[in-house]
């Protein structure tokens, strides 16, 4: 089976995409059957509990402390907790300090699947509320929106899932990595036209990993980008070298 976003990639901002590893493929999380979807009551988007919040992508002093004491490997893997026997309180603590902690959000979704609930016992907010707080905290974090889209899509909320990807695409700017991941999300929702658009945009920006193209080809939805897209990518790649030689 394929892996999701790599751990190093999840730690990195769109503006430093050159340090990120690309998705090896898109591996959707499992749906939680038979659960009514609704915004949880009492979701306070701005509530603070102690110090913070901090941006997961940029804050590097508090993050090692939180991950050493709370979001440890066994918590991330949902094997056990650090503060209690359950991982939920430690994930809750981590997302309180770092609302857009990508790996903690993934663990939260998996914990909800494991417990077959959208509001895990021992956590102050619902899964949806944690995502709403994350996008409210940092609306430009495209990885959060891609993960939120996965969660919503697997919950049967196609329109909401598409909306998150559309918002992510608007924020992706000149990050080919982000457009690639957003395209993978659209593909997973069977929104092939939008997936193709994002694939072309990623190529135009010089990000040419083949996985999204291969997936679109597998369902007969691939079309080569316009010739000027490849030329633009080549021009963008050569620009820094030209500037350096002057």
Protein backbone atom coordinates (compact mmCIF):
# COMPACT_ATOMS: atom_id res chain seq x y z
CA UNK A 1 0.00 0.00 0.00
CA UNK A 2 1.02 3.59 -0.54
CA UNK A 3 1.97 6.03 2.17
CA UNK A 4 0.41 9.38 2.92
CA UNK A 5 2.29 12.65 3.32
CA UNK A 6 5.75 11.93 4.67
CA UNK A 7 6.59 13.11 8.18
CA UNK A 8 9.29 15.54 7.01
CA UNK A 9 6.91 16.97 4.43
CA UNK A 10 4.27 17.60 7.05
CA UNK A 11 6.69 19.71 9.04
CA UNK A 12 7.35 22.07 6.16
CA UNK A 13 5.64 25.22 4.90
CA UNK A 14 4.58 25.88 1.34
CA UNK A 15 7.23 28.59 1.01
CA UNK A 16 9.99 26.04 1.61
CA UNK A 17 8.62 23.27 -0.59
CA UNK A 18 12.10 22.49 -1.90
CA UNK A 19 12.78 20.76 1.43
CA UNK A 20 9.66 18.61 1.26
CA UNK A 21 9.39 15.06 0.05
CA UNK A 22 6.48 14.59 -2.35
CA UNK A 23 3.60 12.26 -1.76
CA UNK A 24 4.43 8.76 -2.88
CA UNK A 25 0.74 8.37 -3.65
CA UNK A 26 -2.65 9.25 -2.24
CA UNK A 27 -3.86 6.84 0.44
CA UNK A 28 -7.35 7.84 1.64
CA UNK A 29 -8.27 7.30 5.24
CA UNK A 30 -11.08 4.87 5.92
CA UNK A 31 -14.59 6.17 6.29
CA UNK A 32 -16.46 5.91 9.57
CA UNK A 33 -19.76 4.22 8.68
CA UNK A 34 -23.16 5.08 10.06
CA UNK A 35 -22.28 8.37 11.75
CA UNK A 36 -24.28 11.54 11.42
CA UNK A 37 -22.16 14.48 10.30
CA UNK A 38 -22.80 17.77 12.05
CA UNK A 39 -20.77 20.67 13.35
CA UNK A 40 -20.18 20.06 17.03
CA UNK A 41 -21.75 22.41 19.49
CA UNK A 42 -19.42 24.62 21.47
CA UNK A 43 -16.60 24.83 18.95
CA UNK A 44 -14.66 27.91 19.99
CA UNK A 45 -12.30 28.81 17.17
CA UNK A 46 -10.30 31.29 19.21
CA UNK A 47 -10.13 29.60 22.63
CA UNK A 48 -6.66 29.37 24.14
CA UNK A 49 -5.58 27.00 26.86
CA UNK A 50 -2.25 28.12 28.29
CA UNK A 51 0.65 29.22 26.10
CA UNK A 52 0.22 29.34 22.37
CA UNK A 53 -1.04 28.65 19.86
CA UNK A 54 2.03 28.16 17.69
CA UNK A 55 2.41 27.54 13.97
CA UNK A 56 3.57 23.97 13.40
CA UNK A 57 5.44 24.94 10.24
CA UNK A 58 7.63 27.64 11.73
CA UNK A 59 7.87 27.41 15.54
CA UNK A 60 10.85 25.24 16.44
CA UNK A 61 11.45 25.94 20.14
CA UNK A 62 8.23 24.70 21.72
CA UNK A 63 7.62 21.92 19.19
CA UNK A 64 10.39 19.53 20.37
CA UNK A 65 9.18 19.89 23.96
CA UNK A 66 5.58 19.08 23.06
CA UNK A 67 6.58 16.16 20.89
CA UNK A 68 8.98 14.79 23.50
CA UNK A 69 6.42 14.91 26.31
CA UNK A 70 3.10 14.43 24.53
CA UNK A 71 3.14 13.63 20.81
CA UNK A 72 5.55 10.74 21.10
CA UNK A 73 5.78 7.85 18.61
CA UNK A 74 3.48 5.65 20.69
CA UNK A 75 0.88 8.45 20.86
CA UNK A 76 1.14 9.09 17.14
CA UNK A 77 0.66 5.37 16.51
CA UNK A 78 -2.30 5.33 18.95
CA UNK A 79 -0.66 2.62 21.05
CA UNK A 80 -0.86 4.45 24.40
CA UNK A 81 -0.73 7.87 25.98
CA UNK A 82 1.95 9.70 27.91
CA UNK A 83 -0.18 11.63 30.41
CA UNK A 84 -2.73 8.81 30.70
CA UNK A 85 -3.09 5.32 29.29
CA UNK A 86 -5.01 6.73 26.31
CA UNK A 87 -3.52 8.79 23.45
CA UNK A 88 -6.49 11.18 23.21
CA UNK A 89 -5.43 13.66 25.95
CA UNK A 90 -1.93 13.96 24.48
CA UNK A 91 -3.25 14.58 20.97
CA UNK A 92 -5.64 17.13 22.44
CA UNK A 93 -2.74 18.87 24.20
CA UNK A 94 -0.65 18.87 21.02
CA UNK A 95 -3.44 20.40 18.93
CA UNK A 96 -4.06 23.00 21.61
CA UNK A 97 -0.45 24.16 21.32
CA UNK A 98 -0.16 23.60 17.56
CA UNK A 99 -3.62 23.71 15.94
CA UNK A 100 -2.14 22.97 12.52
CA UNK A 101 0.08 20.07 13.66
CA UNK A 102 -0.35 17.94 10.54
CA UNK A 103 0.69 14.59 11.97
CA UNK A 104 -1.44 15.09 15.09
CA UNK A 105 -4.44 15.82 12.87
CA UNK A 106 -3.83 12.59 10.97
CA UNK A 107 -3.60 10.67 14.24
CA UNK A 108 -6.81 12.33 15.40
CA UNK A 109 -8.67 11.16 12.30
CA UNK A 110 -7.34 7.64 12.74
CA UNK A 111 -8.33 7.66 16.39
CA UNK A 112 -11.86 8.69 15.41
CA UNK A 113 -11.97 5.79 12.97
CA UNK A 114 -10.69 3.42 15.61
CA UNK A 115 -13.27 4.57 18.16
CA UNK A 116 -16.00 4.95 15.50
CA UNK A 117 -16.82 8.48 16.58
CA UNK A 118 -16.43 12.05 15.42
CA UNK A 119 -15.87 13.32 18.96
CA UNK A 120 -13.29 11.21 20.74
CA UNK A 121 -13.76 10.76 24.47
CA UNK A 122 -11.11 12.69 26.37
CA UNK A 123 -10.83 15.50 23.81
CA UNK A 124 -12.39 18.91 24.29
CA UNK A 125 -13.52 19.31 20.67
CA UNK A 126 -14.88 17.20 17.83
CA UNK A 127 -12.61 16.19 14.97
CA UNK A 128 -14.34 18.70 12.72
CA UNK A 129 -13.87 21.43 15.28
CA UNK A 130 -10.14 20.72 15.52
CA UNK A 131 -9.92 21.15 11.75
CA UNK A 132 -12.01 24.32 11.84
CA UNK A 133 -9.70 25.71 14.51
CA UNK A 134 -6.66 24.79 12.40
CA UNK A 135 -7.88 26.54 9.25
CA UNK A 136 -9.05 29.53 11.28
CA UNK A 137 -5.61 29.72 12.91
CA UNK A 138 -3.66 29.44 9.65
CA UNK A 139 -5.85 29.77 6.58
CA UNK A 140 -2.80 29.54 4.31
CA UNK A 141 -1.82 26.04 5.46
CA UNK A 142 -2.73 23.99 2.41
CA UNK A 143 -1.77 20.67 3.99
CA UNK A 144 -4.39 21.18 6.71
CA UNK A 145 -7.04 21.82 4.07
CA UNK A 146 -6.03 18.73 2.08
CA UNK A 147 -6.29 16.60 5.24
CA UNK A 148 -9.61 18.24 6.14
CA UNK A 149 -10.87 17.42 2.66
CA UNK A 150 -9.93 13.77 3.14
CA UNK A 151 -11.80 13.66 6.42
CA UNK A 152 -14.90 15.29 4.92
CA UNK A 153 -14.81 13.15 1.80
CA UNK A 154 -14.61 9.94 3.77
CA UNK A 155 -17.56 11.16 5.84
CA UNK A 156 -19.63 11.44 2.68
CA UNK A 157 -19.55 15.23 2.51
CA UNK A 158 -18.37 15.61 -1.06
CA UNK A 159 -19.28 19.27 -1.53
CA UNK A 160 -17.53 20.30 1.69
CA UNK A 161 -14.47 18.24 0.76
CA UNK A 162 -14.27 19.88 -2.66
CA UNK A 163 -14.62 23.31 -1.09
CA UNK A 164 -11.58 22.74 1.12
CA UNK A 165 -9.48 21.74 -1.88
CA UNK A 166 -10.67 24.76 -3.85
CA UNK A 167 -9.64 27.01 -0.97
CA UNK A 168 -6.29 25.23 -0.77
CA UNK A 169 -5.73 25.75 -4.51
CA UNK A 170 -6.29 29.49 -4.11
CA UNK A 171 -3.67 29.56 -1.35
CA UNK A 172 -1.13 27.33 -3.08
CA UNK A 173 0.34 30.21 -5.11
CA UNK A 174 3.60 29.12 -6.78
CA UNK A 175 4.10 25.90 -4.84
CA UNK A 176 4.09 23.03 -7.31
CA UNK A 177 4.23 20.59 -4.40
CA UNK A 178 0.97 21.99 -3.00
CA UNK A 179 -0.80 21.92 -6.36
CA UNK A 180 0.31 18.32 -6.80
CA UNK A 181 -1.11 17.28 -3.42
CA UNK A 182 -4.34 19.19 -4.03
CA UNK A 183 -4.65 17.42 -7.38
CA UNK A 184 -4.26 14.08 -5.65
CA UNK A 185 -7.08 15.09 -3.32
CA UNK A 186 -9.33 16.00 -6.25
CA UNK A 187 -8.53 12.68 -7.87
CA UNK A 188 -9.51 10.85 -4.71
CA UNK A 189 -12.88 12.62 -4.84
CA UNK A 190 -13.21 11.61 -8.51
CA UNK A 191 -13.10 15.27 -9.52
CA UNK A 192 -10.87 14.46 -12.46
CA UNK A 193 -11.09 17.77 -14.33
CA UNK A 194 -9.91 19.72 -11.30
CA UNK A 195 -7.25 17.07 -10.61
CA UNK A 196 -5.97 17.56 -14.16
CA UNK A 197 -5.89 21.34 -13.74
CA UNK A 198 -3.80 20.99 -10.59
CA UNK A 199 -1.48 18.50 -12.30
CA UNK A 200 -0.91 20.97 -15.14
CA UNK A 201 -0.28 23.78 -12.66
CA UNK A 202 2.26 21.67 -10.77
CA UNK A 203 4.06 20.91 -14.04
CA UNK A 204 3.98 24.56 -15.05
CA UNK A 205 5.73 25.36 -11.78
CA UNK A 206 8.39 22.74 -12.42
CA UNK A 207 7.05 20.00 -10.13
CA UNK A 208 6.94 16.95 -12.38
CA UNK A 209 6.50 13.88 -10.22
CA UNK A 210 4.50 11.33 -12.27
CA UNK A 211 2.10 9.84 -9.71
CA UNK A 212 -0.85 12.15 -10.38
CA UNK A 213 -0.40 11.88 -14.13
CA UNK A 214 -0.25 8.08 -13.86
CA UNK A 215 -3.43 7.97 -11.82
CA UNK A 216 -5.26 10.18 -14.31
CA UNK A 217 -4.01 7.99 -17.15
CA UNK A 218 -5.34 4.91 -15.34
CA UNK A 219 -8.90 6.26 -15.61
CA UNK A 220 -8.49 7.76 -19.08
CA UNK A 221 -8.54 11.36 -17.85
CA UNK A 222 -5.02 12.51 -18.61
CA UNK A 223 -4.30 15.19 -21.19
CA UNK A 224 -0.88 16.67 -21.85
CA UNK A 225 -0.54 20.26 -20.67
CA UNK A 226 -0.37 23.05 -23.26
CA UNK A 227 3.05 23.39 -24.83
CA UNK A 228 3.57 26.81 -23.24
CA UNK A 229 3.23 25.24 -19.78
CA UNK A 230 6.34 23.15 -20.31
CA UNK A 231 8.13 26.14 -21.78
CA UNK A 232 7.19 28.25 -18.76
CA UNK A 233 8.53 25.57 -16.42
CA UNK A 234 11.81 25.39 -18.32
CA UNK A 235 12.08 29.16 -18.34
CA UNK A 236 11.43 29.36 -14.59
CA UNK A 237 14.09 26.72 -13.94
CA UNK A 238 16.70 28.50 -16.03
CA UNK A 239 16.00 31.99 -14.65
CA UNK A 240 18.03 31.60 -11.42
CA UNK A 241 21.02 30.26 -13.38
CA UNK A 242 20.85 33.15 -15.82
CA UNK A 243 20.65 35.68 -13.01
CA UNK A 244 23.61 34.12 -11.24
CA UNK A 245 25.78 34.33 -14.34
CA UNK A 246 25.21 38.06 -14.78
